Amino acid sequence: MQLALFDLDHTLLDGDSDDLWHRFLAEQGVVDTARFTAERAQFSADYREGRLQVQDFYAFVLKPLADNPLQQLQAWRRRFVATCILPRITAAARALLNRHRDVGHTLAIITATNRFITEPIAAELNVSHLLATEPEYDGTRFTGRVLGTPCFREGKLLHLREWLYRENFRPTETWFYSDSHNDLPLLENVDHPVAVNPDVQLTKTSETRGWPIMHMRHTAAISAA
């Protein structure tokens, strides 16, 4: 098999699904807007600087799942995907997926954002394999905790290896598309690392190592430097 891996936020999606979800919940009056804005800004700054405290971050982002019943969360999620996500899936992202699909590659999305948010997005993109941070569910409600290792930084590499082992997949060639320097552990372990809408740190690394750089915003078609 040949395996094409894709980050989601700021890569296939023109935006951050976790951030958009919490903004949506704030508009519904589910979370406190002022507190959300301040805490999210700090987490975003820490993420960009590579100093994110992972457990604190997931405690923050998973709290609305723990505070609300599943049926209500699912209703909110349907409206969220329709109003906040679909307009941010670029034609360039769909074309990139199709380019790999058309030559028979296996496609997978691998994202730090939790599965509850990202599962319907992967379905909309027609990508059947999703590796994501797993929110713990006790059979009745979400607990607000992460099940296992978050799919973040080195955790993405761990999730990938565990998934390949479970599925008995042995890829002969691999691609990974990402926007963030936080994904360097995985980018450094594939045959074809590609920076998409890269942050400053990933831009510098890509230029130094000769990795392709792609720009996929709503105003840009697929292009590679």
C-alpha atoms as a PDB file:
ATOM      1  CA  MET A   1       0.000   0.000   0.000  1.00  0.00           C
ATOM      2  CA  GLN A   2       0.918   3.641  -0.461  1.00  0.00           C
ATOM      3  CA  LEU A   3      -0.320   5.834   2.365  1.00  0.00           C
ATOM      4  CA  ALA A   4      -1.193   9.546   2.238  1.00  0.00           C
ATOM      5  CA  LEU A   5      -1.652  11.171   5.654  1.00  0.00           C
ATOM      6  CA  PHE A   6      -3.264  14.565   6.159  1.00  0.00           C
ATOM      7  CA  ASP A   7      -3.425  16.898   9.102  1.00  0.00           C
ATOM      8  CA  LEU A   8      -6.823  18.581   9.327  1.00  0.00           C
ATOM      9  CA  ASP A   9      -6.714  22.070  10.837  1.00  0.00           C
ATOM     10  CA  HIS A  10      -5.153  24.735   8.593  1.00  0.00           C
ATOM     11  CA  THR A  11      -4.287  21.948   6.159  1.00  0.00           C
ATOM     12  CA  LEU A  12      -7.393  20.349   4.664  1.00  0.00           C
ATOM     13  CA  LEU A  13      -9.513  22.871   6.542  1.00  0.00           C
ATOM     14  CA  ASP A  14      -9.143  26.641   6.184  1.00  0.00           C
ATOM     15  CA  GLY A  15      -9.299  27.157   9.939  1.00  0.00           C
ATOM     16  CA  ASP A  16      -9.070  25.290  13.239  1.00  0.00           C
ATOM     17  CA  SER A  17     -11.998  22.955  13.909  1.00  0.00           C
ATOM     18  CA  ASP A  18     -11.464  22.947  17.681  1.00  0.00           C
ATOM     19  CA  ASP A  19     -11.430  26.746  17.807  1.00  0.00           C
ATOM     20  CA  LEU A  20     -14.432  27.001  15.502  1.00  0.00           C
ATOM     21  CA  TRP A  21     -16.355  24.490  17.644  1.00  0.00           C
ATOM     22  CA  HIS A  22     -15.791  26.503  20.811  1.00  0.00           C
ATOM     23  CA  ARG A  23     -16.730  29.744  19.065  1.00  0.00           C
ATOM     24  CA  PHE A  24     -19.912  28.046  17.889  1.00  0.00           C
ATOM     25  CA  LEU A  25     -20.673  26.901  21.452  1.00  0.00           C
ATOM     26  CA  ALA A  26     -20.039  30.442  22.710  1.00  0.00           C
ATOM     27  CA  GLU A  27     -22.588  31.746  20.203  1.00  0.00           C
ATOM     28  CA  GLN A  28     -25.089  29.205  21.551  1.00  0.00           C
ATOM     29  CA  GLY A  29     -24.433  30.447  25.083  1.00  0.00           C
ATOM     30  CA  VAL A  30     -22.949  27.092  26.095  1.00  0.00           C
ATOM     31  CA  VAL A  31     -19.555  28.430  27.179  1.00  0.00           C
ATOM     32  CA  ASP A  32     -18.553  31.768  28.636  1.00  0.00           C
ATOM     33  CA  THR A  33     -17.350  33.900  25.740  1.00  0.00           C
ATOM     34  CA  ALA A  34     -14.900  36.084  27.675  1.00  0.00           C
ATOM     35  CA  ARG A  35     -13.269  33.165  29.483  1.00  0.00           C
ATOM     36  CA  PHE A  36     -13.132  31.105  26.321  1.00  0.00           C
ATOM     37  CA  THR A  37     -11.496  33.922  24.361  1.00  0.00           C
ATOM     38  CA  ALA A  38      -8.802  34.536  26.977  1.00  0.00           C
ATOM     39  CA  GLU A  39      -7.964  30.885  27.596  1.00  0.00           C
ATOM     40  CA  ARG A  40      -8.027  29.960  23.930  1.00  0.00           C
ATOM     41  CA  ALA A  41      -5.714  32.840  23.066  1.00  0.00           C
ATOM     42  CA  GLN A  42      -3.188  31.636  25.626  1.00  0.00           C
ATOM     43  CA  PHE A  43      -3.366  28.029  24.436  1.00  0.00           C
ATOM     44  CA  SER A  44      -2.964  29.171  20.817  1.00  0.00           C
ATOM     45  CA  ALA A  45       0.126  31.191  21.704  1.00  0.00           C
ATOM     46  CA  ASP A  46       1.602  28.239  23.600  1.00  0.00           C
ATOM     47  CA  TYR A  47       0.870  25.941  20.645  1.00  0.00           C
ATOM     48  CA  ARG A  48       2.633  28.248  18.192  1.00  0.00           C
ATOM     49  CA  GLU A  49       5.647  28.480  20.492  1.00  0.00           C
ATOM     50  CA  GLY A  50       5.791  24.720  21.045  1.00  0.00           C
ATOM     51  CA  ARG A  51       5.186  24.930  24.808  1.00  0.00           C
ATOM     52  CA  LEU A  52       1.584  23.726  25.011  1.00  0.00           C
ATOM     53  CA  GLN A  53       0.717  21.889  28.230  1.00  0.00           C
ATOM     54  CA  VAL A  54      -1.224  19.067  26.645  1.00  0.00           C
ATOM     55  CA  GLN A  55      -3.214  17.870  29.652  1.00  0.00           C
ATOM     56  CA  ASP A  56      -4.383  21.400  30.511  1.00  0.00           C
ATOM     57  CA  PHE A  57      -5.364  22.010  26.902  1.00  0.00           C
ATOM     58  CA  TYR A  58      -7.463  18.854  26.588  1.00  0.00           C
ATOM     59  CA  ALA A  59      -9.118  19.455  29.963  1.00  0.00           C
ATOM     60  CA  PHE A  60     -10.200  22.820  28.527  1.00  0.00           C
ATOM     61  CA  VAL A  61     -11.409  21.633  25.125  1.00  0.00           C
ATOM     62  CA  LEU A  62     -13.172  18.481  26.357  1.00  0.00           C
ATOM     63  CA  LYS A  63     -15.091  20.172  29.179  1.00  0.00           C
ATOM     64  CA  PRO A  64     -18.120  21.075  27.011  1.00  0.00           C
ATOM     65  CA  LEU A  65     -18.421  17.406  26.029  1.00  0.00           C
ATOM     66  CA  ALA A  66     -18.498  16.388  29.689  1.00  0.00           C
ATOM     67  CA  ASP A  67     -20.934  19.149  30.661  1.00  0.00           C
ATOM     68  CA  ASN A  68     -23.653  18.303  28.130  1.00  0.00           C
ATOM     69  CA  PRO A  69     -25.673  15.193  27.175  1.00  0.00           C
ATOM     70  CA  LEU A  70     -24.704  13.336  24.027  1.00  0.00           C
ATOM     71  CA  GLN A  71     -27.979  13.965  22.197  1.00  0.00           C
ATOM     72  CA  GLN A  72     -27.637  17.713  22.624  1.00  0.00           C
ATOM     73  CA  LEU A  73     -23.972  17.613  21.592  1.00  0.00           C
ATOM     74  CA  GLN A  74     -24.869  15.715  18.430  1.00  0.00           C
ATOM     75  CA  ALA A  75     -27.544  18.252  17.529  1.00  0.00           C
ATOM     76  CA  TRP A  76     -25.086  21.105  18.008  1.00  0.00           C
ATOM     77  CA  ARG A  77     -22.475  19.238  15.991  1.00  0.00           C
ATOM     78  CA  ARG A  78     -24.784  18.828  13.002  1.00  0.00           C
ATOM     79  CA  ARG A  79     -25.393  22.578  12.873  1.00  0.00           C
ATOM     80  CA  PHE A  80     -21.718  23.278  13.494  1.00  0.00           C
ATOM     81  CA  VAL A  81     -20.532  21.158  10.572  1.00  0.00           C
ATOM     82  CA  ALA A  82     -23.132  22.621   8.232  1.00  0.00           C
ATOM     83  CA  THR A  83     -22.548  26.269   9.134  1.00  0.00           C
ATOM     84  CA  CYS A  84     -18.914  26.467  10.280  1.00  0.00           C
ATOM     85  CA  ILE A  85     -17.022  23.625   8.615  1.00  0.00           C
ATOM     86  CA  LEU A  86     -18.388  23.044   5.122  1.00  0.00           C
ATOM     87  CA  PRO A  87     -17.636  26.625   3.999  1.00  0.00           C
ATOM     88  CA  ARG A  88     -14.023  26.150   5.123  1.00  0.00           C
ATOM     89  CA  ILE A  89     -13.259  23.011   3.131  1.00  0.00           C
ATOM     90  CA  THR A  90     -11.352  24.349   0.161  1.00  0.00           C
ATOM     91  CA  ALA A  91     -11.587  23.157  -3.415  1.00  0.00           C
ATOM     92  CA  ALA A  92      -7.810  22.773  -3.301  1.00  0.00           C
ATOM     93  CA  ALA A  93      -8.074  20.382  -0.351  1.00  0.00           C
ATOM     94  CA  ARG A  94     -10.644  18.238  -2.126  1.00  0.00           C
ATOM     95  CA  ALA A  95      -8.477  18.231  -5.252  1.00  0.00           C
ATOM     96  CA  LEU A  96      -5.430  17.136  -3.268  1.00  0.00           C
ATOM     97  CA  LEU A  97      -7.345  14.260  -1.701  1.00  0.00           C
ATOM     98  CA  ASN A  98      -8.653  13.223  -5.115  1.00  0.00           C
ATOM     99  CA  ARG A  99      -5.175  13.346  -6.595  1.00  0.00           C
ATOM    100  CA  HIS A 100      -4.034  10.679  -4.130  1.00  0.00           C
ATOM    101  CA  ARG A 101      -7.321   8.776  -4.322  1.00  0.00           C
ATOM    102  CA  ASP A 102      -7.194   8.577  -8.100  1.00  0.00           C
ATOM    103  CA  VAL A 103      -3.826   6.789  -8.094  1.00  0.00           C
ATOM    104  CA  GLY A 104      -4.995   4.246  -5.530  1.00  0.00           C
ATOM    105  CA  HIS A 105      -3.360   5.574  -2.379  1.00  0.00           C
ATOM    106  CA  THR A 106      -4.871   4.843   1.032  1.00  0.00           C
ATOM    107  CA  LEU A 107      -5.960   8.095   2.695  1.00  0.00           C
ATOM    108  CA  ALA A 108      -6.018   8.895   6.402  1.00  0.00           C
ATOM    109  CA  ILE A 109      -6.583  12.048   8.428  1.00  0.00           C
ATOM    110  CA  ILE A 110      -4.409  12.310  11.528  1.00  0.00           C
ATOM    111  CA  THR A 111      -5.315  15.151  13.883  1.00  0.00           C
ATOM    112  CA  ALA A 112      -4.848  16.357  17.438  1.00  0.00           C
ATOM    113  CA  THR A 113      -8.467  17.490  17.527  1.00  0.00           C
ATOM    114  CA  ASN A 114     -10.808  15.020  19.212  1.00  0.00           C
ATOM    115  CA  ARG A 115     -12.816  12.433  17.321  1.00  0.00           C
ATOM    116  CA  PHE A 116     -16.221  13.802  18.306  1.00  0.00           C
ATOM    117  CA  ILE A 117     -15.533  16.968  16.326  1.00  0.00           C
ATOM    118  CA  THR A 118     -13.526  15.492  13.478  1.00  0.00           C
ATOM    119  CA  GLU A 119     -15.434  12.303  12.627  1.00  0.00           C
ATOM    120  CA  PRO A 120     -18.174  14.022  10.580  1.00  0.00           C
ATOM    121  CA  ILE A 121     -15.545  16.213   8.898  1.00  0.00           C
ATOM    122  CA  ALA A 122     -13.602  13.142   7.767  1.00  0.00           C
ATOM    123  CA  ALA A 123     -16.866  11.678   6.477  1.00  0.00           C
ATOM    124  CA  GLU A 124     -17.589  14.869   4.530  1.00  0.00           C
ATOM    125  CA  LEU A 125     -14.136  14.590   2.949  1.00  0.00           C
ATOM    126  CA  ASN A 126     -14.802  10.920   2.146  1.00  0.00           C
ATOM    127  CA  VAL A 127     -11.749   9.799   4.135  1.00  0.00           C
ATOM    128  CA  SER A 128     -12.607   6.566   5.920  1.00  0.00           C
ATOM    129  CA  HIS A 129      -9.506   6.356   8.119  1.00  0.00           C
ATOM    130  CA  LEU A 130      -9.357   8.867  10.984  1.00  0.00           C
ATOM    131  CA  LEU A 131      -6.665   8.956  13.667  1.00  0.00           C
ATOM    132  CA  ALA A 132      -7.632  11.500  16.315  1.00  0.00           C
ATOM    133  CA  THR A 133      -7.436  12.229  20.018  1.00  0.00           C
ATOM    134  CA  GLU A 134     -10.022   9.989  21.675  1.00  0.00           C
ATOM    135  CA  PRO A 135     -12.344  11.568  24.263  1.00  0.00           C
ATOM    136  CA  GLU A 136     -13.188   9.098  27.016  1.00  0.00           C
ATOM    137  CA  TYR A 137     -16.836   7.983  27.048  1.00  0.00           C
ATOM    138  CA  ASP A 138     -18.225   5.979  29.963  1.00  0.00           C
ATOM    139  CA  GLY A 139     -21.225   4.580  28.104  1.00  0.00           C
ATOM    140  CA  THR A 140     -23.485   7.432  29.140  1.00  0.00           C
ATOM    141  CA  ARG A 141     -21.474  10.654  28.914  1.00  0.00           C
ATOM    142  CA  PHE A 142     -18.067  11.968  27.976  1.00  0.00           C
ATOM    143  CA  THR A 143     -15.845  12.202  31.036  1.00  0.00           C
ATOM    144  CA  GLY A 144     -13.770  15.204  29.967  1.00  0.00           C
ATOM    145  CA  ARG A 145     -10.613  13.087  29.875  1.00  0.00           C
ATOM    146  CA  VAL A 146      -8.516  11.756  26.997  1.00  0.00           C
ATOM    147  CA  LEU A 147      -8.581   8.023  26.398  1.00  0.00           C
ATOM    148  CA  GLY A 148      -4.981   6.905  25.955  1.00  0.00           C
ATOM    149  CA  THR A 149      -2.350   9.165  24.438  1.00  0.00           C
ATOM    150  CA  PRO A 150      -3.395  12.420  22.766  1.00  0.00           C
ATOM    151  CA  CYS A 151      -2.799  12.395  19.013  1.00  0.00           C
ATOM    152  CA  PHE A 152      -0.393  15.321  19.306  1.00  0.00           C
ATOM    153  CA  ARG A 153       3.306  15.732  18.456  1.00  0.00           C
ATOM    154  CA  GLU A 154       5.004  12.379  19.170  1.00  0.00           C
ATOM    155  CA  GLY A 155       1.532  11.016  19.935  1.00  0.00           C
ATOM    156  CA  LYS A 156       0.662  11.204  16.240  1.00  0.00           C
ATOM    157  CA  LEU A 157       3.543   8.889  15.446  1.00  0.00           C
ATOM    158  CA  LEU A 158       2.381   6.518  18.196  1.00  0.00           C
ATOM    159  CA  HIS A 159      -1.216   6.529  16.927  1.00  0.00           C
ATOM    160  CA  LEU A 160      -0.007   5.866  13.392  1.00  0.00           C
ATOM    161  CA  ARG A 161       2.189   2.938  14.393  1.00  0.00           C
ATOM    162  CA  GLU A 162      -0.558   1.382  16.522  1.00  0.00           C
ATOM    163  CA  TRP A 163      -3.079   1.781  13.701  1.00  0.00           C
ATOM    164  CA  LEU A 164      -0.746   0.224  11.120  1.00  0.00           C
ATOM    165  CA  TYR A 165      -0.140  -2.712  13.470  1.00  0.00           C
ATOM    166  CA  ARG A 166      -3.867  -3.245  14.157  1.00  0.00           C
ATOM    167  CA  GLU A 167      -4.746  -3.124  10.458  1.00  0.00           C
ATOM    168  CA  ASN A 168      -1.705  -5.143   9.416  1.00  0.00           C
ATOM    169  CA  PHE A 169      -0.790  -2.371   6.989  1.00  0.00           C
ATOM    170  CA  ARG A 170       2.759  -2.175   5.665  1.00  0.00           C
ATOM    171  CA  PRO A 171       3.049   0.966   3.559  1.00  0.00           C
ATOM    172  CA  THR A 172       5.742   0.979   0.911  1.00  0.00           C
ATOM    173  CA  GLU A 173       5.586   4.752   0.489  1.00  0.00           C
ATOM    174  CA  THR A 174       4.182   7.492   2.731  1.00  0.00           C
ATOM    175  CA  TRP A 175       3.175  11.156   2.455  1.00  0.00           C
ATOM    176  CA  PHE A 176       2.217  13.557   5.228  1.00  0.00           C
ATOM    177  CA  TYR A 177       0.742  17.030   4.756  1.00  0.00           C
ATOM    178  CA  SER A 178       0.767  19.448   7.703  1.00  0.00           C
ATOM    179  CA  ASP A 179       0.853  23.138   8.583  1.00  0.00           C
ATOM    180  CA  SER A 180       2.572  22.944  11.981  1.00  0.00           C
ATOM    181  CA  HIS A 181       6.060  22.525  13.396  1.00  0.00           C
ATOM    182  CA  ASN A 182       4.372  20.499  16.141  1.00  0.00           C
ATOM    183  CA  ASP A 183       4.023  17.751  13.534  1.00  0.00           C
ATOM    184  CA  LEU A 184       7.759  17.464  12.917  1.00  0.00           C
ATOM    185  CA  PRO A 185       7.997  14.054  14.675  1.00  0.00           C
ATOM    186  CA  LEU A 186       5.713  12.584  12.009  1.00  0.00           C
ATOM    187  CA  LEU A 187       6.963  14.703   9.116  1.00  0.00           C
ATOM    188  CA  GLU A 188      10.456  13.391   9.785  1.00  0.00           C
ATOM    189  CA  ASN A 189       9.241   9.790   9.611  1.00  0.00           C
ATOM    190  CA  VAL A 190       7.548   9.710   6.203  1.00  0.00           C
ATOM    191  CA  ASP A 191       8.989   9.436   2.714  1.00  0.00           C
ATOM    192  CA  HIS A 192       7.344  12.617   1.449  1.00  0.00           C
ATOM    193  CA  PRO A 193       6.835  15.390   4.035  1.00  0.00           C
ATOM    194  CA  VAL A 194       4.882  18.356   2.657  1.00  0.00           C
ATOM    195  CA  ALA A 195       4.281  21.664   4.420  1.00  0.00           C
ATOM    196  CA  VAL A 196       0.818  23.142   3.786  1.00  0.00           C
ATOM    197  CA  ASN A 197       0.095  26.741   4.771  1.00  0.00           C
ATOM    198  CA  PRO A 198       3.069  26.342   7.124  1.00  0.00           C
ATOM    199  CA  ASP A 199       3.723  28.319  10.274  1.00  0.00           C
ATOM    200  CA  VAL A 200       6.960  30.268  10.580  1.00  0.00           C
ATOM    201  CA  GLN A 201       8.942  27.465  12.197  1.00  0.00           C
ATOM    202  CA  LEU A 202       7.801  24.838   9.698  1.00  0.00           C
ATOM    203  CA  THR A 203       8.487  27.198   6.796  1.00  0.00           C
ATOM    204  CA  LYS A 204      12.095  27.594   7.941  1.00  0.00           C
ATOM    205  CA  THR A 205      12.524  23.853   8.453  1.00  0.00           C
ATOM    206  CA  SER A 206      11.000  23.062   5.054  1.00  0.00           C
ATOM    207  CA  GLU A 207      13.216  25.559   3.282  1.00  0.00           C
ATOM    208  CA  THR A 208      16.308  24.184   5.015  1.00  0.00           C
ATOM    209  CA  ARG A 209      15.477  20.565   4.226  1.00  0.00           C
ATOM    210  CA  GLY A 210      14.057  21.129   0.761  1.00  0.00           C
ATOM    211  CA  TRP A 211      10.534  19.966   1.594  1.00  0.00           C
ATOM    212  CA  PRO A 212       7.740  21.090  -0.745  1.00  0.00           C
ATOM    213  CA  ILE A 213       5.603  23.964   0.495  1.00  0.00           C
ATOM    214  CA  MET A 214       1.962  24.162  -0.579  1.00  0.00           C
ATOM    215  CA  HIS A 215      -0.569  26.935  -0.138  1.00  0.00           C
ATOM    216  CA  MET A 216      -4.220  25.947   0.044  1.00  0.00           C
ATOM    217  CA  ARG A 217      -6.467  28.777   1.131  1.00  0.00           C
ATOM    218  CA  HIS A 218      -9.823  29.666  -0.396  1.00  0.00           C
ATOM    219  CA  THR A 219      -8.064  32.149  -2.662  1.00  0.00           C
ATOM    220  CA  ALA A 220      -5.375  29.724  -3.850  1.00  0.00           C
ATOM    221  CA  ALA A 221      -5.369  26.660  -6.031  1.00  0.00           C
ATOM    222  CA  ILE A 222      -2.994  23.785  -5.339  1.00  0.00           C
ATOM    223  CA  SER A 223       0.565  24.996  -5.773  1.00  0.00           C
ATOM    224  CA  ALA A 224       3.888  23.682  -4.585  1.00  0.00           C
ATOM    225  CA  ALA A 225       7.165  25.515  -4.124  1.00  0.00           C
END
